[in-house]
Amino acid sequence: MSITEMVESLQAAGEVVNRGVLSNAERVLKAQALVLNTVFSETARRAALNIGTHIGAMETYMRLALMAQSQSRATFETPAAIKNPPIVFARQANINNGGSSK
């Protein structure tokens, strides 16, 4: 694929997103979340294999596993947050700094 074709493809994809069609973005995010979950499973398995023999390796694998788990969770939450953004309730504060109330 040439640079020109790549730019045209990215522009077309951007126009689709600007129209509010997020199906491609959701598909990518779901695939990334599943890959991160697989990374979590594999690194947690490797951590378990090192318990009691290689404490440093076990600790490193477990730290990586928990980071992957956290990123997987956050990635799964992103499409839901895009579709259902949180509602923010704000209260107006009426402050009178000694001025007239007229």
Protein backbone atom coordinates (compact mmCIF):
# COMPACT_ATOMS: atom_id res chain seq x y z
CA MET A 1 0.00 0.00 0.00
CA SER A 2 1.41 3.38 -0.95
CA ILE A 3 1.50 6.37 1.38
CA THR A 4 -1.19 8.08 -0.69
CA GLU A 5 -3.50 5.07 -0.46
CA MET A 6 -2.89 4.82 3.28
CA VAL A 7 -3.72 8.50 3.83
CA GLU A 8 -6.89 8.16 1.73
CA SER A 9 -7.90 5.08 3.72
CA LEU A 10 -7.33 6.87 7.03
CA GLN A 11 -9.30 9.89 5.83
CA ALA A 12 -12.21 7.67 4.78
CA ALA A 13 -12.13 5.88 8.15
CA GLY A 14 -12.07 9.24 9.94
CA GLU A 15 -15.09 10.44 7.98
CA VAL A 16 -17.00 7.30 9.01
CA VAL A 17 -16.18 7.96 12.68
CA ASN A 18 -17.18 11.62 12.30
CA ARG A 19 -20.60 10.43 11.09
CA GLY A 20 -20.96 8.54 14.36
CA VAL A 21 -20.39 5.02 13.02
CA LEU A 22 -18.12 3.42 15.60
CA SER A 23 -18.43 -0.25 14.64
CA ASN A 24 -14.87 -0.49 13.28
CA ALA A 25 -13.41 1.27 16.33
CA GLU A 26 -15.40 -1.02 18.64
CA ARG A 27 -14.16 -4.10 16.80
CA VAL A 28 -10.54 -2.96 17.17
CA LEU A 29 -10.98 -2.18 20.87
CA LYS A 30 -12.61 -5.55 21.54
CA ALA A 31 -9.78 -7.36 19.72
CA GLN A 32 -7.20 -5.40 21.74
CA ALA A 33 -8.98 -6.24 25.00
CA LEU A 34 -9.01 -9.94 24.11
CA VAL A 35 -5.29 -9.87 23.28
CA LEU A 36 -4.56 -8.12 26.58
CA ASN A 37 -6.61 -10.77 28.39
CA THR A 38 -4.52 -13.46 26.70
CA VAL A 39 -1.34 -11.65 27.80
CA PHE A 40 -2.74 -11.61 31.35
CA SER A 41 -3.46 -15.35 31.27
CA GLU A 42 -0.04 -16.25 29.90
CA THR A 43 1.95 -14.06 32.26
CA ALA A 44 -0.11 -15.22 35.27
CA ARG A 45 0.59 -18.83 34.22
CA ARG A 46 4.32 -18.08 34.00
CA ALA A 47 4.21 -16.40 37.41
CA ALA A 48 2.63 -19.53 38.88
CA LEU A 49 5.36 -21.70 37.37
CA ASN A 50 8.01 -19.61 39.15
CA ILE A 51 6.46 -19.56 42.63
CA GLY A 52 8.92 -20.89 45.15
CA THR A 53 11.86 -21.20 42.79
CA HIS A 54 12.46 -17.85 41.09
CA ILE A 55 10.81 -15.18 43.21
CA GLY A 56 12.10 -12.27 41.08
CA ALA A 57 10.75 -13.79 37.88
CA MET A 58 7.45 -14.64 39.58
CA GLU A 59 7.10 -11.06 40.81
CA THR A 60 7.90 -9.62 37.37
CA TYR A 61 5.44 -11.92 35.59
CA MET A 62 2.73 -11.16 38.14
CA ARG A 63 3.25 -7.41 37.79
CA LEU A 64 2.98 -7.73 34.00
CA ALA A 65 -0.11 -9.90 34.35
CA LEU A 66 -1.87 -7.36 36.54
CA MET A 67 -0.99 -4.49 34.21
CA ALA A 68 -2.39 -6.44 31.24
CA GLN A 69 -5.53 -7.25 33.24
CA SER A 70 -6.04 -3.59 34.10
CA GLN A 71 -5.55 -2.49 30.50
CA SER A 72 -7.92 -5.21 29.26
CA ARG A 73 -10.62 -4.02 31.66
CA ALA A 74 -10.15 -0.39 30.65
CA THR A 75 -10.23 -1.31 26.96
CA PHE A 76 -13.47 -3.29 27.40
CA GLU A 77 -15.03 -0.28 29.18
CA THR A 78 -14.15 2.20 26.42
CA PRO A 79 -16.88 1.27 23.88
CA ALA A 80 -19.51 1.37 26.63
CA ALA A 81 -18.30 4.81 27.74
CA ILE A 82 -18.43 6.06 24.15
CA LYS A 83 -21.98 4.79 23.63
CA ASN A 84 -23.22 5.83 27.09
CA PRO A 85 -21.19 8.82 28.28
CA PRO A 86 -21.49 9.60 31.98
CA ILE A 87 -24.01 12.29 32.89
CA VAL A 88 -22.57 15.16 34.87
CA PHE A 89 -24.87 17.08 37.18
CA ALA A 90 -23.60 20.51 38.13
CA ARG A 91 -25.17 22.89 40.59
CA GLN A 92 -24.98 26.60 39.99
CA ALA A 93 -23.41 28.58 42.78
CA ASN A 94 -24.87 32.05 43.31
CA ILE A 95 -22.17 34.06 45.03
CA ASN A 96 -22.66 37.64 46.07
CA ASN A 97 -19.42 39.32 47.08
CA GLY A 98 -20.98 42.26 48.91
CA GLY A 99 -22.53 43.79 45.85
CA SER A 100 -26.10 44.96 45.53
CA SER A 101 -28.80 42.30 45.17
CA LYS A 102 -30.77 44.38 42.67
